[in-house]
Amino acid sequence: MYVIPTEPDPSGAKRPRGRPRKTPEERNDGNRRQDLVMAAAKLFRRHGFNGTSTRDIACAVGMHSGSLFCHFKSKDALLYEVMQKGMRSALARQTIVLLSEHDAATTLRQLIRSHFDTLLGPNSDFMHAVLYESRSLNTQQRNVIAKLQGDYKEAWTPVLQELCLTGYLQVEVPVLARLLIFGALNWSVQWFDAKKGHSRDELIDAVIALVIRKRSPALQK
């Protein structure tokens, strides 16, 4: 194979091997992309997906409206990224809980705390999009998010099954208990406000009291 010879560098300096280093502008592209994701999540929560324009999102990060499309193909693609980020964060937080060695009751409490942190804590805008904006995704995107949600919820099943076997679970069907728990927890975003009422710890205690018996029926005999 014939190789075209290259002219030597007149300065005598050796050219670095591998890919050329990114320019400051190129390195900033990733940061700008994340700025757009953060701004979009906040605006989607405040005004809804349909009530937020690409111009609104671009203006929120000091960018010309057309520049947004250098990072995302469409507003739909930006919503999809917001929702994926929300689910990836929730799954990562949950994995930490599940890797810790605790009894089932303690694990459930920590799972509930983790879920409340995801719903009510910093960056909760992402999960708000997951809960309320999935109808704006296309079918393929919706299926991906649904799969992530399914994996997240299914991880609770073994914990609830163990509590059921030992007689501590109030609801004798673990899958039904899981559905009821998530329904109650997810609805908290509509009404919970730590400034107006109880703390998040009190909220966790209340959920635990509804779900778990204080003592196993076997121990009460």
Protein backbone atom coordinates (compact mmCIF):
# COMPACT_ATOMS: atom_id res chain seq x y z
CA MET A 1 0.00 0.00 0.00
CA TYR A 2 1.34 3.40 -0.93
CA VAL A 3 1.66 5.84 1.97
CA ILE A 4 1.68 9.54 1.24
CA PRO A 5 4.75 11.00 2.91
CA THR A 6 4.19 13.84 5.36
CA GLU A 7 6.31 16.92 5.45
CA PRO A 8 8.44 17.33 8.56
CA ASP A 9 7.46 19.99 11.08
CA PRO A 10 9.82 22.93 10.39
CA SER A 11 10.00 23.63 14.14
CA GLY A 12 11.41 20.17 14.76
CA ALA A 13 8.79 19.49 17.46
CA LYS A 14 7.28 16.00 17.60
CA ARG A 15 3.60 15.74 16.95
CA PRO A 16 1.65 14.19 19.86
CA ARG A 17 0.21 10.79 19.19
CA GLY A 18 -3.49 9.97 19.50
CA ARG A 19 -6.41 12.32 19.25
CA PRO A 20 -5.73 16.06 19.39
CA ARG A 21 -6.62 17.79 22.62
CA LYS A 22 -10.05 19.40 22.76
CA THR A 23 -10.22 23.16 22.51
CA PRO A 24 -11.77 25.10 25.42
CA GLU A 25 -14.91 25.53 23.31
CA GLU A 26 -15.14 21.78 22.68
CA ARG A 27 -14.59 20.98 26.37
CA ASN A 28 -17.37 23.42 27.25
CA ASP A 29 -19.84 21.65 24.95
CA GLY A 30 -20.50 18.95 27.55
CA ASN A 31 -21.04 21.54 30.25
CA ARG A 32 -23.46 23.49 28.09
CA ARG A 33 -25.37 20.31 27.34
CA GLN A 34 -25.75 19.64 31.06
CA ASP A 35 -26.79 23.25 31.65
CA LEU A 36 -29.57 22.77 29.12
CA VAL A 37 -30.70 19.54 30.79
CA MET A 38 -30.82 21.19 34.22
CA ALA A 39 -32.68 24.23 32.91
CA ALA A 40 -35.14 22.10 30.95
CA ALA A 41 -35.95 19.97 34.00
CA LYS A 42 -36.76 23.06 36.06
CA LEU A 43 -38.86 24.65 33.33
CA PHE A 44 -40.72 21.44 32.52
CA ARG A 45 -41.68 21.19 36.17
CA ARG A 46 -42.72 24.81 36.42
CA HIS A 47 -44.61 25.17 33.15
CA GLY A 48 -45.02 21.63 31.82
CA PHE A 49 -43.44 20.22 28.67
CA ASN A 50 -46.02 21.79 26.35
CA GLY A 51 -45.82 25.11 28.15
CA THR A 52 -42.05 25.37 27.73
CA SER A 53 -40.44 26.43 24.45
CA THR A 54 -36.91 25.78 23.23
CA ARG A 55 -36.43 29.54 23.36
CA ASP A 56 -37.32 29.50 27.08
CA ILE A 57 -34.74 26.78 27.74
CA ALA A 58 -32.01 28.45 25.70
CA CYS A 59 -32.63 31.83 27.34
CA ALA A 60 -32.40 30.22 30.80
CA VAL A 61 -28.75 29.33 30.12
CA GLY A 62 -27.88 32.50 28.19
CA MET A 63 -27.89 30.82 24.79
CA HIS A 64 -29.41 31.80 21.45
CA SER A 65 -32.51 29.70 20.77
CA GLY A 66 -31.03 28.12 17.64
CA SER A 67 -27.89 27.06 19.51
CA LEU A 68 -29.87 24.54 21.53
CA PHE A 69 -30.16 22.36 18.46
CA CYS A 70 -26.36 21.98 18.35
CA HIS A 71 -26.77 19.85 21.49
CA PHE A 72 -30.22 18.27 21.09
CA LYS A 73 -32.13 17.33 17.97
CA SER A 74 -35.44 18.48 19.41
CA LYS A 75 -37.26 19.45 22.59
CA ASP A 76 -38.51 15.86 22.75
CA ALA A 77 -34.90 14.60 22.78
CA LEU A 78 -34.13 17.01 25.62
CA LEU A 79 -37.10 15.71 27.63
CA TYR A 80 -35.90 12.15 27.04
CA GLU A 81 -32.46 13.07 28.39
CA VAL A 82 -34.04 14.72 31.44
CA MET A 83 -36.04 11.59 32.20
CA GLN A 84 -33.10 9.25 31.67
CA LYS A 85 -30.99 11.36 34.00
CA GLY A 86 -33.72 11.19 36.63
CA MET A 87 -33.98 7.41 36.43
CA ARG A 88 -30.20 6.84 36.33
CA SER A 89 -29.83 8.93 39.47
CA ALA A 90 -32.67 7.09 41.24
CA LEU A 91 -31.25 3.68 40.31
CA ALA A 92 -27.75 4.63 41.46
CA ARG A 93 -29.06 5.84 44.83
CA GLN A 94 -31.17 2.71 45.23
CA THR A 95 -28.25 0.41 44.39
CA ILE A 96 -26.25 1.85 47.28
CA VAL A 97 -29.10 0.95 49.64
CA LEU A 98 -29.46 -2.58 48.30
CA LEU A 99 -25.73 -3.27 48.57
CA SER A 100 -25.74 -2.51 52.30
CA GLU A 101 -26.20 -5.45 54.66
CA HIS A 102 -29.30 -4.86 56.75
CA ASP A 103 -32.42 -6.75 57.76
CA ALA A 104 -35.46 -6.41 55.50
CA ALA A 105 -37.25 -3.86 57.69
CA THR A 106 -34.22 -1.55 57.79
CA THR A 107 -33.67 -1.97 54.06
CA LEU A 108 -37.29 -1.03 53.35
CA ARG A 109 -36.95 2.09 55.49
CA GLN A 110 -33.81 3.06 53.59
CA LEU A 111 -35.49 2.40 50.25
CA ILE A 112 -38.37 4.66 51.26
CA ARG A 113 -35.93 7.35 52.39
CA SER A 114 -34.00 7.04 49.13
CA HIS A 115 -37.20 7.37 47.12
CA PHE A 116 -38.30 10.42 49.07
CA ASP A 117 -34.85 11.96 48.55
CA THR A 118 -35.29 11.38 44.83
CA LEU A 119 -38.79 12.85 44.77
CA LEU A 120 -38.41 15.72 47.24
CA GLY A 121 -34.70 16.43 47.51
CA PRO A 122 -32.27 18.40 45.32
CA ASN A 123 -32.65 17.80 41.58
CA SER A 124 -36.16 16.39 42.10
CA ASP A 125 -37.20 18.21 38.91
CA PHE A 126 -35.93 15.23 36.92
CA MET A 127 -38.23 12.73 38.61
CA HIS A 128 -41.16 15.11 38.26
CA ALA A 129 -40.70 14.78 34.49
CA VAL A 130 -40.59 10.99 34.82
CA LEU A 131 -43.87 10.99 36.73
CA TYR A 132 -45.84 13.44 34.61
CA GLU A 133 -44.36 13.93 31.15
CA SER A 134 -43.97 10.43 29.68
CA ARG A 135 -46.93 11.00 27.34
CA SER A 136 -44.75 13.48 25.44
CA LEU A 137 -42.20 10.80 24.51
CA ASN A 138 -42.40 8.64 21.42
CA THR A 139 -43.14 4.94 21.83
CA GLN A 140 -39.52 3.80 21.78
CA GLN A 141 -38.43 6.40 24.31
CA ARG A 142 -41.41 5.63 26.53
CA ASN A 143 -40.54 1.93 26.49
CA VAL A 144 -36.97 2.63 27.59
CA ILE A 145 -38.11 4.80 30.51
CA ALA A 146 -40.77 2.23 31.45
CA LYS A 147 -38.08 -0.48 31.52
CA LEU A 148 -35.92 1.62 33.86
CA GLN A 149 -38.93 2.27 36.10
CA GLY A 150 -39.78 -1.42 36.12
CA ASP A 151 -36.24 -2.38 37.14
CA TYR A 152 -36.34 0.23 39.88
CA LYS A 153 -39.63 -0.97 41.34
CA GLU A 154 -38.88 -4.68 40.96
CA ALA A 155 -35.84 -4.32 43.23
CA TRP A 156 -38.24 -3.75 46.14
CA THR A 157 -40.02 -7.07 45.66
CA PRO A 158 -37.49 -9.40 47.40
CA VAL A 159 -37.45 -7.09 50.44
CA LEU A 160 -41.24 -7.08 50.68
CA GLN A 161 -41.37 -10.84 50.13
CA GLU A 162 -39.01 -11.40 53.08
CA LEU A 163 -41.12 -9.16 55.29
CA CYS A 164 -44.22 -11.08 54.21
CA LEU A 165 -42.64 -14.46 55.02
CA THR A 166 -41.65 -13.31 58.50
CA GLY A 167 -45.10 -11.86 59.17
CA TYR A 168 -44.08 -8.22 59.36
CA LEU A 169 -45.77 -6.97 56.19
CA GLN A 170 -49.26 -5.55 56.72
CA VAL A 171 -50.35 -6.48 53.18
CA GLU A 172 -50.01 -10.20 52.56
CA VAL A 173 -49.40 -9.84 48.82
CA PRO A 174 -45.93 -8.26 48.24
CA VAL A 175 -46.68 -7.05 44.70
CA LEU A 176 -49.85 -5.33 45.89
CA ALA A 177 -47.93 -3.80 48.80
CA ARG A 178 -45.33 -2.45 46.34
CA LEU A 179 -48.00 -0.86 44.15
CA LEU A 180 -49.66 0.79 47.14
CA ILE A 181 -46.34 2.04 48.52
CA PHE A 182 -45.28 3.63 45.26
CA GLY A 183 -48.71 5.17 44.78
CA ALA A 184 -48.52 6.82 48.19
CA LEU A 185 -44.88 7.90 47.89
CA ASN A 186 -45.19 9.34 44.39
CA TRP A 187 -48.30 11.33 45.28
CA SER A 188 -46.33 13.12 48.02
CA VAL A 189 -44.85 15.47 45.40
CA GLN A 190 -48.31 17.02 45.11
CA TRP A 191 -48.71 17.99 48.74
CA PHE A 192 -45.57 17.59 50.85
CA ASP A 193 -43.91 20.81 51.97
CA ALA A 194 -41.43 20.65 54.85
CA LYS A 195 -41.92 24.39 55.49
CA LYS A 196 -45.63 23.95 56.18
CA GLY A 197 -45.86 20.70 58.07
CA HIS A 198 -43.97 17.62 59.13
CA SER A 199 -40.40 16.66 58.38
CA ARG A 200 -39.34 14.04 55.87
CA ASP A 201 -38.32 11.73 58.73
CA GLU A 202 -41.86 11.91 60.14
CA LEU A 203 -43.17 11.12 56.68
CA ILE A 204 -40.97 8.02 56.49
CA ASP A 205 -42.11 6.91 59.96
CA ALA A 206 -45.74 7.25 58.89
CA VAL A 207 -45.22 5.10 55.79
CA ILE A 208 -43.41 2.43 57.81
CA ALA A 209 -46.24 2.40 60.37
CA LEU A 210 -48.75 1.77 57.58
CA VAL A 211 -46.72 -0.98 55.93
CA ILE A 212 -44.98 -2.93 58.70
CA ARG A 213 -46.42 -4.53 61.83
CA LYS A 214 -44.56 -3.66 65.01
CA ARG A 215 -44.10 -7.33 65.78
CA SER A 216 -44.48 -10.48 63.74
CA PRO A 217 -47.73 -12.39 64.47
CA ALA A 218 -45.58 -15.45 65.16
CA LEU A 219 -43.82 -13.55 67.94
CA GLN A 220 -47.07 -12.30 69.43
CA LYS A 221 -48.35 -15.81 70.20
